[in-house]
Amino acid sequence: MDVLERLGLGYLTLERGTPTLSPGELQRLRLATQLYSNLFGVVYVLDEPSAGLHPADTEALLGALNRLKAGGTRCSWSSTSRA
């Protein structure tokens, strides 16, 4: 649950179905699963991962991406925001 909090998803409940999640919530949820998987040799390419996110959520998302990179995962993303 800590990773969900760090990605700005702490408000989600287990009762919430995935069809009710926004595209941004789904993307961050997928990213949360990757943060705790022990996969290696994975490349992530994200197009505008912060599109439509609140600035605080954008910071959380970019922080998670940077943690993935620091762990040796190759990540590439494009962004028009200044975050």
Protein backbone atom coordinates (compact mmCIF):
# COMPACT_ATOMS: atom_id res chain seq x y z
CA MET A 1 0.00 0.00 0.00
CA ASP A 2 2.97 2.32 0.56
CA VAL A 3 3.75 2.41 -3.16
CA LEU A 4 0.13 3.35 -3.91
CA GLU A 5 0.38 6.23 -1.45
CA ARG A 6 3.62 7.41 -3.08
CA LEU A 7 1.96 7.34 -6.50
CA GLY A 8 -1.00 9.39 -5.28
CA LEU A 9 -3.39 6.44 -5.32
CA GLY A 10 -3.90 6.08 -1.58
CA TYR A 11 -7.57 6.94 -1.93
CA LEU A 12 -8.35 3.77 -3.94
CA THR A 13 -10.22 1.01 -2.13
CA LEU A 14 -10.10 -2.73 -2.80
CA GLU A 15 -13.81 -2.63 -3.62
CA ARG A 16 -13.20 -0.31 -6.58
CA GLY A 17 -13.40 -2.15 -9.90
CA THR A 18 -10.82 -1.53 -12.60
CA PRO A 19 -13.48 -0.42 -15.15
CA THR A 20 -14.09 2.62 -12.90
CA LEU A 21 -10.44 3.75 -12.91
CA SER A 22 -9.26 6.58 -15.10
CA PRO A 23 -6.50 5.94 -17.68
CA GLY A 24 -4.03 7.79 -15.43
CA GLU A 25 -5.00 5.70 -12.41
CA LEU A 26 -4.60 2.50 -14.41
CA GLN A 27 -1.17 3.59 -15.65
CA ARG A 28 0.01 4.41 -12.14
CA LEU A 29 -1.43 1.14 -10.81
CA ARG A 30 0.51 -0.80 -13.46
CA LEU A 31 3.62 1.14 -12.55
CA ALA A 32 3.08 0.30 -8.86
CA THR A 33 3.12 -3.41 -9.69
CA GLN A 34 6.39 -2.98 -11.60
CA LEU A 35 8.05 -1.21 -8.69
CA TYR A 36 7.77 -4.38 -6.61
CA SER A 37 8.30 -6.99 -9.28
CA ASN A 38 11.76 -8.40 -9.73
CA LEU A 39 11.73 -8.23 -13.50
CA PHE A 40 14.93 -7.37 -15.32
CA GLY A 41 15.70 -6.52 -18.90
CA VAL A 42 12.49 -4.50 -19.20
CA VAL A 43 12.20 -1.27 -21.17
CA TYR A 44 9.34 1.13 -20.50
CA VAL A 45 8.40 3.79 -23.02
CA LEU A 46 5.67 6.15 -21.85
CA ASP A 47 4.09 8.86 -23.96
CA GLU A 48 2.95 11.81 -21.88
CA PRO A 49 2.66 9.86 -18.60
CA SER A 50 1.66 13.00 -16.72
CA ALA A 51 -1.09 14.12 -19.12
CA GLY A 52 -4.16 15.16 -17.16
CA LEU A 53 -2.58 14.60 -13.76
CA HIS A 54 -2.62 17.06 -10.88
CA PRO A 55 0.90 18.51 -10.36
CA ALA A 56 1.29 16.60 -7.08
CA ASP A 57 0.40 13.35 -8.84
CA THR A 58 2.83 14.21 -11.63
CA GLU A 59 5.63 14.59 -9.08
CA ALA A 60 4.73 11.23 -7.54
CA LEU A 61 4.68 9.53 -10.95
CA LEU A 62 8.02 10.99 -12.05
CA GLY A 63 9.52 10.03 -8.69
CA ALA A 64 8.40 6.43 -9.23
CA LEU A 65 9.85 6.41 -12.74
CA ASN A 66 13.13 7.72 -11.37
CA ARG A 67 13.13 4.96 -8.73
CA LEU A 68 12.68 2.39 -11.51
CA LYS A 69 15.61 3.93 -13.39
CA ALA A 70 17.74 3.97 -10.25
CA GLY A 71 17.03 0.25 -9.87
CA GLY A 72 18.47 -0.45 -13.31
CA THR A 73 15.28 -0.41 -15.39
CA ARG A 74 15.41 1.53 -18.62
CA CYS A 75 12.64 4.12 -18.79
CA SER A 76 11.95 6.72 -21.43
CA TRP A 77 9.14 9.21 -21.42
CA SER A 78 8.05 12.27 -23.29
CA SER A 79 6.45 15.19 -21.56
CA THR A 80 5.39 18.66 -22.51
CA SER A 81 4.95 19.66 -18.86
CA ARG A 82 7.69 21.31 -16.88
CA ALA A 83 7.53 18.70 -14.08
